[in-house]
Amino acid sequence: MNAMKAEYDLSKMKSRKNPYASKLKMPITMRLSEDVVAYFKNMAADAGVPYQSLINLYLRDCVTQHRQVQIAWPAKS
């Protein structure tokens, strides 16, 4: 059986770029309606995933499907 060294000399290691750096998530602050947050929290609880991950998955799906928002403002009377 190989014993693990108590200390390792990492000073001679070559550094390299993190291959996952482009996939890291950016922390942001958003203002969402309470009912929207509640909707995703309930859905996330049912799916067993964190609600922020679920929102990210939903938005990623919008990106991959090239969805465009359709906004129709009510006409002024």
C-alpha atoms as a PDB file:
ATOM      1  CA  MET A   1       0.000   0.000   0.000  1.00  0.00           C
ATOM      2  CA  ASN A   2       1.328   3.459  -0.919  1.00  0.00           C
ATOM      3  CA  ALA A   3       1.441   5.937   1.912  1.00  0.00           C
ATOM      4  CA  MET A   4       0.414   9.471   1.123  1.00  0.00           C
ATOM      5  CA  LYS A   5       3.114  12.082   1.757  1.00  0.00           C
ATOM      6  CA  ALA A   6       2.442  14.440   4.638  1.00  0.00           C
ATOM      7  CA  GLU A   7       3.466  17.415   2.468  1.00  0.00           C
ATOM      8  CA  TYR A   8       3.708  18.007  -1.244  1.00  0.00           C
ATOM      9  CA  ASP A   9       5.943  20.531  -2.987  1.00  0.00           C
ATOM     10  CA  LEU A  10       3.582  22.322  -5.357  1.00  0.00           C
ATOM     11  CA  SER A  11       6.067  25.061  -6.234  1.00  0.00           C
ATOM     12  CA  LYS A  12       7.246  23.177  -9.327  1.00  0.00           C
ATOM     13  CA  MET A  13       3.781  22.537 -10.712  1.00  0.00           C
ATOM     14  CA  LYS A  14       2.906  24.221 -13.970  1.00  0.00           C
ATOM     15  CA  SER A  15      -0.181  26.383 -13.857  1.00  0.00           C
ATOM     16  CA  ARG A  16      -2.877  26.017 -16.476  1.00  0.00           C
ATOM     17  CA  LYS A  17      -6.145  27.700 -17.290  1.00  0.00           C
ATOM     18  CA  ASN A  18      -9.325  26.361 -15.738  1.00  0.00           C
ATOM     19  CA  PRO A  19     -11.120  24.524 -18.589  1.00  0.00           C
ATOM     20  CA  TYR A  20     -14.460  25.209 -16.914  1.00  0.00           C
ATOM     21  CA  ALA A  21     -13.931  28.961 -16.443  1.00  0.00           C
ATOM     22  CA  SER A  22     -16.223  29.817 -19.369  1.00  0.00           C
ATOM     23  CA  LYS A  23     -18.990  27.750 -17.774  1.00  0.00           C
ATOM     24  CA  LEU A  24     -18.882  29.472 -14.372  1.00  0.00           C
ATOM     25  CA  LYS A  25     -21.984  31.278 -13.235  1.00  0.00           C
ATOM     26  CA  MET A  26     -22.085  35.016 -12.686  1.00  0.00           C
ATOM     27  CA  PRO A  27     -23.713  36.218  -9.471  1.00  0.00           C
ATOM     28  CA  ILE A  28     -26.297  38.915 -10.200  1.00  0.00           C
ATOM     29  CA  THR A  29     -29.086  40.700  -8.390  1.00  0.00           C
ATOM     30  CA  MET A  30     -32.567  40.625  -9.904  1.00  0.00           C
ATOM     31  CA  ARG A  31     -35.922  41.928  -8.823  1.00  0.00           C
ATOM     32  CA  LEU A  32     -38.613  39.326  -9.440  1.00  0.00           C
ATOM     33  CA  SER A  33     -42.278  39.356  -8.519  1.00  0.00           C
ATOM     34  CA  GLU A  34     -43.141  37.359  -5.401  1.00  0.00           C
ATOM     35  CA  ASP A  35     -45.525  35.112  -7.333  1.00  0.00           C
ATOM     36  CA  VAL A  36     -42.803  34.309  -9.894  1.00  0.00           C
ATOM     37  CA  VAL A  37     -40.331  33.336  -7.161  1.00  0.00           C
ATOM     38  CA  ALA A  38     -43.004  31.265  -5.391  1.00  0.00           C
ATOM     39  CA  TYR A  39     -43.838  29.492  -8.659  1.00  0.00           C
ATOM     40  CA  PHE A  40     -40.222  28.474  -9.265  1.00  0.00           C
ATOM     41  CA  LYS A  41     -39.638  27.559  -5.600  1.00  0.00           C
ATOM     42  CA  ASN A  42     -42.653  25.221  -5.661  1.00  0.00           C
ATOM     43  CA  MET A  43     -41.623  23.675  -8.974  1.00  0.00           C
ATOM     44  CA  ALA A  44     -38.035  23.287  -7.722  1.00  0.00           C
ATOM     45  CA  ALA A  45     -39.200  21.616  -4.515  1.00  0.00           C
ATOM     46  CA  ASP A  46     -41.239  19.115  -6.559  1.00  0.00           C
ATOM     47  CA  ALA A  47     -38.235  18.431  -8.817  1.00  0.00           C
ATOM     48  CA  GLY A  48     -35.760  18.273  -5.916  1.00  0.00           C
ATOM     49  CA  VAL A  49     -33.451  20.988  -7.273  1.00  0.00           C
ATOM     50  CA  PRO A  50     -32.539  24.464  -5.987  1.00  0.00           C
ATOM     51  CA  TYR A  51     -34.916  27.098  -7.333  1.00  0.00           C
ATOM     52  CA  GLN A  52     -32.098  29.289  -8.675  1.00  0.00           C
ATOM     53  CA  SER A  53     -30.796  26.325 -10.678  1.00  0.00           C
ATOM     54  CA  LEU A  54     -34.291  25.765 -12.049  1.00  0.00           C
ATOM     55  CA  ILE A  55     -34.575  29.405 -13.118  1.00  0.00           C
ATOM     56  CA  ASN A  56     -31.145  29.107 -14.770  1.00  0.00           C
ATOM     57  CA  LEU A  57     -32.243  25.944 -16.604  1.00  0.00           C
ATOM     58  CA  TYR A  58     -35.407  27.672 -17.795  1.00  0.00           C
ATOM     59  CA  LEU A  59     -33.489  30.693 -19.051  1.00  0.00           C
ATOM     60  CA  ARG A  60     -30.883  28.448 -20.699  1.00  0.00           C
ATOM     61  CA  ASP A  61     -33.724  26.684 -22.541  1.00  0.00           C
ATOM     62  CA  CYS A  62     -34.923  30.090 -23.742  1.00  0.00           C
ATOM     63  CA  VAL A  63     -31.414  30.821 -25.036  1.00  0.00           C
ATOM     64  CA  THR A  64     -30.977  27.489 -26.830  1.00  0.00           C
ATOM     65  CA  GLN A  65     -34.466  27.724 -28.381  1.00  0.00           C
ATOM     66  CA  HIS A  66     -33.896  31.391 -29.364  1.00  0.00           C
ATOM     67  CA  ARG A  67     -37.180  32.357 -27.733  1.00  0.00           C
ATOM     68  CA  GLN A  68     -38.258  35.966 -28.164  1.00  0.00           C
ATOM     69  CA  VAL A  69     -40.501  37.668 -25.649  1.00  0.00           C
ATOM     70  CA  GLN A  70     -43.810  38.949 -27.030  1.00  0.00           C
ATOM     71  CA  ILE A  71     -44.878  42.063 -25.153  1.00  0.00           C
ATOM     72  CA  ALA A  72     -48.245  43.604 -25.916  1.00  0.00           C
ATOM     73  CA  TRP A  73     -48.853  46.708 -23.839  1.00  0.00           C
ATOM     74  CA  PRO A  74     -52.494  47.620 -23.345  1.00  0.00           C
ATOM     75  CA  ALA A  75     -53.649  50.522 -25.527  1.00  0.00           C
ATOM     76  CA  LYS A  76     -54.212  53.800 -23.697  1.00  0.00           C
ATOM     77  CA  SER A  77     -57.833  54.845 -23.595  1.00  0.00           C
END
